[in-house]
Amino acid sequence: MFANNLKYLREKQNMDQMELAIKLGRKSSSSISEWEKGKYTPKIGVLNDIAEIFGVSITDLMNKDLSANVDNRNKVISMYDSLHEERQMKVYSYTKQQYNDQNKIIQMPEPTPEAEYEEFELFGAVSAGTGKYLTDNKPEKVMYKGIVPEHDFAVIVSGNSMLPLFEDKQILFVKKTDEIRSGQIVVVDYDHQAYVKKFVRDEKSCRLVSLNKEYKDMPIDEEHDIHIYGTVVL
């Protein structure tokens, strides 16, 4: 998703690869080309710079098809322009109602018998599949329906390698720690990409394990850089 979004945003602003490279403090456009081809993803600091240049959030840059939103918007505008004035007013009234309803949910959530909405800061995505990223600045404030447990930071799952325990787009709350035990679910930086995995240590090896058996284990050894962010609050 990142590769397509980067190319879309760059072309939308009539910016060539070299111009973007200069804005990012690079002497050549080779990295931009490789990013747009999907060969690899830049580190979090560069992702943050790219998000700022194009005025988008890192979460949207990495996980949302930004071009699809514009295509849908253009289609709606085109259809609206072709309507008679009376029908345009009906569309406007309906759109305004939807906008107000949305803002009521986000800004002034009504308590329910089951749970209330709480606001917390979301620090990006962790992969339950291929690697993602984790930002250490500019978290997004989001609303969560349910009980927010005691935690140090929160992330959103991307992928299905941790099914059936965690689903794609599920919010995870994490407690920071440098000490982990075998069997715990952890959020880690593995070769500069962020993951949520099960940590396993036994007589065979130390490794990060996916609950979905379609995914291979990730060995923890001297050939890989690893940093523990914390354990998931279950």
C-alpha atoms as a PDB file:
ATOM      1  CA  MET A   1       0.000   0.000   0.000  1.00  0.00           C
ATOM      2  CA  PHE A   2       2.842   2.398   0.851  1.00  0.00           C
ATOM      3  CA  ALA A   3       4.451   2.082  -2.593  1.00  0.00           C
ATOM      4  CA  ASN A   4       1.213   2.931  -4.418  1.00  0.00           C
ATOM      5  CA  ASN A   5       0.382   5.782  -2.043  1.00  0.00           C
ATOM      6  CA  LEU A   6       3.839   7.330  -2.381  1.00  0.00           C
ATOM      7  CA  LYS A   7       3.652   7.362  -6.171  1.00  0.00           C
ATOM      8  CA  TYR A   8       0.075   8.651  -6.127  1.00  0.00           C
ATOM      9  CA  LEU A   9       0.823  11.511  -3.718  1.00  0.00           C
ATOM     10  CA  ARG A  10       3.985  12.506  -5.550  1.00  0.00           C
ATOM     11  CA  GLU A  11       2.297  12.595  -8.954  1.00  0.00           C
ATOM     12  CA  LYS A  12      -0.734  14.384  -7.512  1.00  0.00           C
ATOM     13  CA  GLN A  13       1.547  17.287  -6.561  1.00  0.00           C
ATOM     14  CA  ASN A  14       3.345  17.163  -9.941  1.00  0.00           C
ATOM     15  CA  MET A  15       6.554  16.273  -8.143  1.00  0.00           C
ATOM     16  CA  ASP A  16       9.215  14.124  -9.784  1.00  0.00           C
ATOM     17  CA  GLN A  17      11.270  11.592  -7.861  1.00  0.00           C
ATOM     18  CA  MET A  18      14.346  13.821  -7.717  1.00  0.00           C
ATOM     19  CA  GLU A  19      12.372  16.703  -6.246  1.00  0.00           C
ATOM     20  CA  LEU A  20      11.040  14.458  -3.496  1.00  0.00           C
ATOM     21  CA  ALA A  21      14.532  13.098  -2.879  1.00  0.00           C
ATOM     22  CA  ILE A  22      15.853  16.637  -2.371  1.00  0.00           C
ATOM     23  CA  LYS A  23      13.051  17.426   0.085  1.00  0.00           C
ATOM     24  CA  LEU A  24      14.111  14.342   2.035  1.00  0.00           C
ATOM     25  CA  GLY A  25      17.759  15.415   2.009  1.00  0.00           C
ATOM     26  CA  ARG A  26      18.941  12.787  -0.464  1.00  0.00           C
ATOM     27  CA  LYS A  27      21.382  13.262  -3.332  1.00  0.00           C
ATOM     28  CA  SER A  28      19.701  10.836  -5.750  1.00  0.00           C
ATOM     29  CA  SER A  29      16.237   9.496  -6.522  1.00  0.00           C
ATOM     30  CA  SER A  30      17.235   5.825  -6.441  1.00  0.00           C
ATOM     31  CA  SER A  31      15.643   5.221  -3.032  1.00  0.00           C
ATOM     32  CA  ILE A  32      12.379   6.864  -4.142  1.00  0.00           C
ATOM     33  CA  SER A  33      12.278   4.586  -7.171  1.00  0.00           C
ATOM     34  CA  GLU A  34      12.849   1.478  -5.041  1.00  0.00           C
ATOM     35  CA  TRP A  35      10.176   2.527  -2.538  1.00  0.00           C
ATOM     36  CA  GLU A  36       7.616   3.037  -5.305  1.00  0.00           C
ATOM     37  CA  LYS A  37       8.477  -0.364  -6.781  1.00  0.00           C
ATOM     38  CA  GLY A  38       7.829  -1.916  -3.375  1.00  0.00           C
ATOM     39  CA  LYS A  39      11.352  -3.279  -2.993  1.00  0.00           C
ATOM     40  CA  TYR A  40      11.546  -2.019   0.580  1.00  0.00           C
ATOM     41  CA  THR A  41      10.007   0.476   2.990  1.00  0.00           C
ATOM     42  CA  PRO A  42      11.933   3.385   4.552  1.00  0.00           C
ATOM     43  CA  LYS A  43      12.539   3.647   8.283  1.00  0.00           C
ATOM     44  CA  ILE A  44      10.068   5.387  10.560  1.00  0.00           C
ATOM     45  CA  GLY A  45      11.891   8.720  10.592  1.00  0.00           C
ATOM     46  CA  VAL A  46      11.742   8.947   6.803  1.00  0.00           C
ATOM     47  CA  LEU A  47       8.108   7.794   6.807  1.00  0.00           C
ATOM     48  CA  ASN A  48       7.308  10.641   9.174  1.00  0.00           C
ATOM     49  CA  ASP A  49       9.036  13.134   6.850  1.00  0.00           C
ATOM     50  CA  ILE A  50       7.099  11.814   3.838  1.00  0.00           C
ATOM     51  CA  ALA A  51       3.807  12.040   5.732  1.00  0.00           C
ATOM     52  CA  GLU A  52       4.548  15.665   6.651  1.00  0.00           C
ATOM     53  CA  ILE A  53       5.505  16.585   3.074  1.00  0.00           C
ATOM     54  CA  PHE A  54       2.188  15.317   1.716  1.00  0.00           C
ATOM     55  CA  GLY A  55       0.027  16.280   4.686  1.00  0.00           C
ATOM     56  CA  VAL A  56      -1.226  12.795   5.562  1.00  0.00           C
ATOM     57  CA  SER A  57      -0.987  10.586   8.638  1.00  0.00           C
ATOM     58  CA  ILE A  58       1.538   7.759   8.728  1.00  0.00           C
ATOM     59  CA  THR A  59      -1.272   5.276   9.383  1.00  0.00           C
ATOM     60  CA  ASP A  60      -3.101   6.354   6.199  1.00  0.00           C
ATOM     61  CA  LEU A  61       0.141   6.437   4.239  1.00  0.00           C
ATOM     62  CA  MET A  62       0.884   2.827   5.169  1.00  0.00           C
ATOM     63  CA  ASN A  63      -2.571   1.234   5.307  1.00  0.00           C
ATOM     64  CA  LYS A  64      -5.179   3.184   3.313  1.00  0.00           C
ATOM     65  CA  ASP A  65      -5.585   3.358  -0.476  1.00  0.00           C
ATOM     66  CA  LEU A  66      -5.443   7.140  -0.760  1.00  0.00           C
ATOM     67  CA  SER A  67      -6.135   7.162  -4.490  1.00  0.00           C
ATOM     68  CA  ALA A  68      -9.418   5.267  -3.995  1.00  0.00           C
ATOM     69  CA  ASN A  69     -10.755   8.008  -1.723  1.00  0.00           C
ATOM     70  CA  VAL A  70     -10.111  10.657  -4.370  1.00  0.00           C
ATOM     71  CA  ASP A  71     -11.648   8.544  -7.134  1.00  0.00           C
ATOM     72  CA  ASN A  72     -14.820   8.061  -5.103  1.00  0.00           C
ATOM     73  CA  ARG A  73     -14.937  11.768  -4.265  1.00  0.00           C
ATOM     74  CA  ASN A  74     -14.636  12.720  -7.918  1.00  0.00           C
ATOM     75  CA  LYS A  75     -17.405  10.300  -8.875  1.00  0.00           C
ATOM     76  CA  VAL A  76     -19.718  11.750  -6.225  1.00  0.00           C
ATOM     77  CA  ILE A  77     -19.000  15.317  -7.354  1.00  0.00           C
ATOM     78  CA  SER A  78     -19.606  14.383 -10.982  1.00  0.00           C
ATOM     79  CA  MET A  79     -22.963  12.788 -10.174  1.00  0.00           C
ATOM     80  CA  TYR A  80     -23.944  15.707  -7.942  1.00  0.00           C
ATOM     81  CA  ASP A  81     -23.236  18.202 -10.716  1.00  0.00           C
ATOM     82  CA  SER A  82     -25.499  16.277 -13.099  1.00  0.00           C
ATOM     83  CA  LEU A  83     -28.510  16.418 -10.757  1.00  0.00           C
ATOM     84  CA  HIS A  84     -31.305  18.998 -10.928  1.00  0.00           C
ATOM     85  CA  GLU A  85     -31.206  21.666  -8.219  1.00  0.00           C
ATOM     86  CA  GLU A  86     -34.001  20.069  -6.169  1.00  0.00           C
ATOM     87  CA  ARG A  87     -32.155  16.760  -6.025  1.00  0.00           C
ATOM     88  CA  GLN A  88     -28.881  18.521  -5.214  1.00  0.00           C
ATOM     89  CA  MET A  89     -30.552  20.030  -2.145  1.00  0.00           C
ATOM     90  CA  LYS A  90     -31.667  16.569  -1.029  1.00  0.00           C
ATOM     91  CA  VAL A  91     -28.103  15.284  -1.421  1.00  0.00           C
ATOM     92  CA  TYR A  92     -26.777  18.242   0.561  1.00  0.00           C
ATOM     93  CA  SER A  93     -29.314  17.684   3.373  1.00  0.00           C
ATOM     94  CA  TYR A  94     -28.444  13.986   3.606  1.00  0.00           C
ATOM     95  CA  THR A  95     -24.695  14.707   3.547  1.00  0.00           C
ATOM     96  CA  LYS A  96     -25.046  17.305   6.302  1.00  0.00           C
ATOM     97  CA  GLN A  97     -27.011  14.825   8.430  1.00  0.00           C
ATOM     98  CA  GLN A  98     -24.317  12.173   7.973  1.00  0.00           C
ATOM     99  CA  TYR A  99     -21.602  14.695   8.844  1.00  0.00           C
ATOM    100  CA  ASN A 100     -23.373  15.751  12.035  1.00  0.00           C
ATOM    101  CA  ASP A 101     -24.034  12.148  13.066  1.00  0.00           C
ATOM    102  CA  GLN A 102     -20.384  11.296  12.538  1.00  0.00           C
ATOM    103  CA  ASN A 103     -19.172  14.223  14.624  1.00  0.00           C
ATOM    104  CA  LYS A 104     -21.537  13.291  17.434  1.00  0.00           C
ATOM    105  CA  ILE A 105     -19.969   9.839  17.597  1.00  0.00           C
ATOM    106  CA  ILE A 106     -16.413  11.039  17.444  1.00  0.00           C
ATOM    107  CA  GLN A 107     -16.550  14.178  19.524  1.00  0.00           C
ATOM    108  CA  MET A 108     -19.390  13.562  21.973  1.00  0.00           C
ATOM    109  CA  PRO A 109     -19.921   9.825  22.304  1.00  0.00           C
ATOM    110  CA  GLU A 110     -23.031   8.733  24.151  1.00  0.00           C
ATOM    111  CA  PRO A 111     -22.490   6.129  26.867  1.00  0.00           C
ATOM    112  CA  THR A 112     -24.008   2.697  26.262  1.00  0.00           C
ATOM    113  CA  PRO A 113     -25.022   0.010  28.769  1.00  0.00           C
ATOM    114  CA  GLU A 114     -22.115  -2.148  27.615  1.00  0.00           C
ATOM    115  CA  ALA A 115     -19.285   0.381  27.402  1.00  0.00           C
ATOM    116  CA  GLU A 116     -18.327   3.991  26.857  1.00  0.00           C
ATOM    117  CA  TYR A 117     -16.025   5.597  24.357  1.00  0.00           C
ATOM    118  CA  GLU A 118     -12.600   6.598  25.600  1.00  0.00           C
ATOM    119  CA  GLU A 119      -9.914   8.600  23.840  1.00  0.00           C
ATOM    120  CA  PHE A 120      -6.352   7.351  23.613  1.00  0.00           C
ATOM    121  CA  GLU A 121      -3.255   7.811  21.481  1.00  0.00           C
ATOM    122  CA  LEU A 122      -2.505   5.346  18.679  1.00  0.00           C
ATOM    123  CA  PHE A 123       1.166   4.965  17.773  1.00  0.00           C
ATOM    124  CA  GLY A 124       0.779   3.400  14.326  1.00  0.00           C
ATOM    125  CA  ALA A 125       0.591  -0.183  13.052  1.00  0.00           C
ATOM    126  CA  VAL A 126       2.296  -3.446  13.897  1.00  0.00           C
ATOM    127  CA  SER A 127       2.310  -6.304  11.454  1.00  0.00           C
ATOM    128  CA  ALA A 128       0.621  -9.635  11.811  1.00  0.00           C
ATOM    129  CA  GLY A 129       2.155 -10.624   8.492  1.00  0.00           C
ATOM    130  CA  THR A 130       4.905  -8.708   6.716  1.00  0.00           C
ATOM    131  CA  GLY A 131       6.716  -5.977   8.586  1.00  0.00           C
ATOM    132  CA  LYS A 132       5.177  -2.619   9.385  1.00  0.00           C
ATOM    133  CA  TYR A 133       6.388   0.313  11.411  1.00  0.00           C
ATOM    134  CA  LEU A 134       5.956   2.009  14.724  1.00  0.00           C
ATOM    135  CA  THR A 135       6.148   5.748  15.171  1.00  0.00           C
ATOM    136  CA  ASP A 136       7.706   7.324  18.227  1.00  0.00           C
ATOM    137  CA  ASN A 137       6.136  10.735  17.696  1.00  0.00           C
ATOM    138  CA  LYS A 138       2.930  12.432  16.591  1.00  0.00           C
ATOM    139  CA  PRO A 139       0.480   9.727  17.722  1.00  0.00           C
ATOM    140  CA  GLU A 140      -3.100   9.918  16.472  1.00  0.00           C
ATOM    141  CA  LYS A 141      -5.918  10.483  18.940  1.00  0.00           C
ATOM    142  CA  VAL A 142      -8.726   7.971  18.372  1.00  0.00           C
ATOM    143  CA  MET A 143     -11.900   6.863  20.127  1.00  0.00           C
ATOM    144  CA  TYR A 144     -12.256   3.350  21.536  1.00  0.00           C
ATOM    145  CA  LYS A 145     -15.532   1.750  22.557  1.00  0.00           C
ATOM    146  CA  GLY A 146     -14.777  -0.363  25.552  1.00  0.00           C
ATOM    147  CA  ILE A 147     -12.575  -0.434  28.602  1.00  0.00           C
ATOM    148  CA  VAL A 148      -9.097   0.919  27.976  1.00  0.00           C
ATOM    149  CA  PRO A 149      -6.712  -1.077  30.205  1.00  0.00           C
ATOM    150  CA  GLU A 150      -3.642   0.357  31.875  1.00  0.00           C
ATOM    151  CA  HIS A 151      -1.019   0.632  29.151  1.00  0.00           C
ATOM    152  CA  ASP A 152       1.967   2.644  27.910  1.00  0.00           C
ATOM    153  CA  PHE A 153       1.004   2.878  24.250  1.00  0.00           C
ATOM    154  CA  ALA A 154      -1.453   1.427  21.745  1.00  0.00           C
ATOM    155  CA  VAL A 155      -1.075   0.110  18.194  1.00  0.00           C
ATOM    156  CA  ILE A 156      -3.299  -1.300  15.476  1.00  0.00           C
ATOM    157  CA  VAL A 157      -2.855  -4.763  13.957  1.00  0.00           C
ATOM    158  CA  SER A 158      -2.198  -5.074  10.226  1.00  0.00           C
ATOM    159  CA  GLY A 159      -2.536  -8.581   8.785  1.00  0.00           C
ATOM    160  CA  ASN A 160      -3.794 -11.999   9.859  1.00  0.00           C
ATOM    161  CA  SER A 161      -0.752 -13.935  11.066  1.00  0.00           C
ATOM    162  CA  MET A 162      -1.982 -13.729  14.675  1.00  0.00           C
ATOM    163  CA  LEU A 163      -5.424 -15.185  14.034  1.00  0.00           C
ATOM    164  CA  PRO A 164      -7.454 -16.343  15.858  1.00  0.00           C
ATOM    165  CA  LEU A 165      -6.195 -14.259  18.801  1.00  0.00           C
ATOM    166  CA  PHE A 166      -5.916 -10.905  17.004  1.00  0.00           C
ATOM    167  CA  GLU A 167      -7.832  -9.806  13.929  1.00  0.00           C
ATOM    168  CA  ASP A 168      -6.754  -7.342  11.265  1.00  0.00           C
ATOM    169  CA  LYS A 169      -7.370  -3.714  12.400  1.00  0.00           C
ATOM    170  CA  GLN A 170      -7.735  -4.732  16.059  1.00  0.00           C
ATOM    171  CA  ILE A 171      -6.433  -2.285  18.666  1.00  0.00           C
ATOM    172  CA  LEU A 172      -3.734  -3.622  20.997  1.00  0.00           C
ATOM    173  CA  PHE A 173      -2.653  -2.058  24.286  1.00  0.00           C
ATOM    174  CA  VAL A 174       0.988  -2.537  25.222  1.00  0.00           C
ATOM    175  CA  LYS A 175       3.033  -2.282  28.422  1.00  0.00           C
ATOM    176  CA  LYS A 176       6.676  -1.306  27.933  1.00  0.00           C
ATOM    177  CA  THR A 177       9.245  -3.794  29.208  1.00  0.00           C
ATOM    178  CA  ASP A 178      12.719  -5.086  28.417  1.00  0.00           C
ATOM    179  CA  GLU A 179      12.121  -8.449  30.088  1.00  0.00           C
ATOM    180  CA  ILE A 180       9.824 -11.036  28.521  1.00  0.00           C
ATOM    181  CA  ARG A 181       8.958 -14.652  29.194  1.00  0.00           C
ATOM    182  CA  SER A 182       8.429 -17.466  26.760  1.00  0.00           C
ATOM    183  CA  GLY A 183       4.803 -17.614  25.698  1.00  0.00           C
ATOM    184  CA  GLN A 184       4.086 -13.883  25.987  1.00  0.00           C
ATOM    185  CA  ILE A 185       2.663 -11.857  23.093  1.00  0.00           C
ATOM    186  CA  VAL A 186       5.109  -9.074  22.314  1.00  0.00           C
ATOM    187  CA  VAL A 187       5.474  -6.024  20.101  1.00  0.00           C
ATOM    188  CA  VAL A 188       8.999  -5.944  18.694  1.00  0.00           C
ATOM    189  CA  ASP A 189      11.245  -4.202  16.206  1.00  0.00           C
ATOM    190  CA  TYR A 190      12.710  -6.976  14.065  1.00  0.00           C
ATOM    191  CA  ASP A 191      15.232  -5.799  11.462  1.00  0.00           C
ATOM    192  CA  HIS A 192      13.731  -2.287  11.625  1.00  0.00           C
ATOM    193  CA  GLN A 193      10.144  -3.405  11.097  1.00  0.00           C
ATOM    194  CA  ALA A 194       7.482  -3.680  13.803  1.00  0.00           C
ATOM    195  CA  TYR A 195       5.632  -6.922  14.536  1.00  0.00           C
ATOM    196  CA  VAL A 196       3.256  -8.454  17.028  1.00  0.00           C
ATOM    197  CA  LYS A 197       4.247 -12.074  17.669  1.00  0.00           C
ATOM    198  CA  LYS A 198       4.437 -14.772  20.312  1.00  0.00           C
ATOM    199  CA  PHE A 199       7.859 -15.036  21.926  1.00  0.00           C
ATOM    200  CA  VAL A 200       9.078 -18.615  22.326  1.00  0.00           C
ATOM    201  CA  ARG A 201      12.249 -19.823  24.061  1.00  0.00           C
ATOM    202  CA  ASP A 202      12.915 -23.553  24.366  1.00  0.00           C
ATOM    203  CA  GLU A 203      15.732 -26.059  23.999  1.00  0.00           C
ATOM    204  CA  LYS A 204      15.692 -25.565  20.222  1.00  0.00           C
ATOM    205  CA  SER A 205      15.986 -21.795  19.899  1.00  0.00           C
ATOM    206  CA  CYS A 206      14.565 -18.348  20.598  1.00  0.00           C
ATOM    207  CA  ARG A 207      12.080 -17.179  17.988  1.00  0.00           C
ATOM    208  CA  LEU A 208       9.009 -15.113  17.205  1.00  0.00           C
ATOM    209  CA  VAL A 209       6.012 -17.239  16.314  1.00  0.00           C
ATOM    210  CA  SER A 210       2.801 -16.505  14.392  1.00  0.00           C
ATOM    211  CA  LEU A 211      -0.375 -18.143  15.685  1.00  0.00           C
ATOM    212  CA  ASN A 212      -1.517 -18.569  12.086  1.00  0.00           C
ATOM    213  CA  LYS A 213       0.566 -21.558  10.971  1.00  0.00           C
ATOM    214  CA  GLU A 214       0.673 -20.303   7.382  1.00  0.00           C
ATOM    215  CA  TYR A 215       3.507 -17.989   8.465  1.00  0.00           C
ATOM    216  CA  LYS A 216       7.085 -19.010   9.202  1.00  0.00           C
ATOM    217  CA  ASP A 217       8.811 -18.508  12.535  1.00  0.00           C
ATOM    218  CA  MET A 218      11.252 -15.597  12.842  1.00  0.00           C
ATOM    219  CA  PRO A 219      14.556 -16.652  14.439  1.00  0.00           C
ATOM    220  CA  ILE A 220      16.155 -14.515  17.125  1.00  0.00           C
ATOM    221  CA  ASP A 221      19.908 -14.731  16.613  1.00  0.00           C
ATOM    222  CA  GLU A 222      22.967 -12.636  15.868  1.00  0.00           C
ATOM    223  CA  GLU A 223      21.950 -12.255  12.217  1.00  0.00           C
ATOM    224  CA  HIS A 224      18.874 -10.187  13.130  1.00  0.00           C
ATOM    225  CA  ASP A 225      18.440  -6.897  14.975  1.00  0.00           C
ATOM    226  CA  ILE A 226      15.673  -7.050  17.573  1.00  0.00           C
ATOM    227  CA  HIS A 227      14.310  -4.591  20.112  1.00  0.00           C
ATOM    228  CA  ILE A 228      11.428  -5.344  22.480  1.00  0.00           C
ATOM    229  CA  TYR A 229       8.854  -2.578  22.754  1.00  0.00           C
ATOM    230  CA  GLY A 230       6.653  -4.386  25.262  1.00  0.00           C
ATOM    231  CA  THR A 231       4.042  -7.041  25.942  1.00  0.00           C
ATOM    232  CA  VAL A 232       0.415  -6.959  24.830  1.00  0.00           C
ATOM    233  CA  VAL A 233      -2.142  -6.513  27.611  1.00  0.00           C
ATOM    234  CA  LEU A 234      -4.472  -9.533  27.390  1.00  0.00           C
END
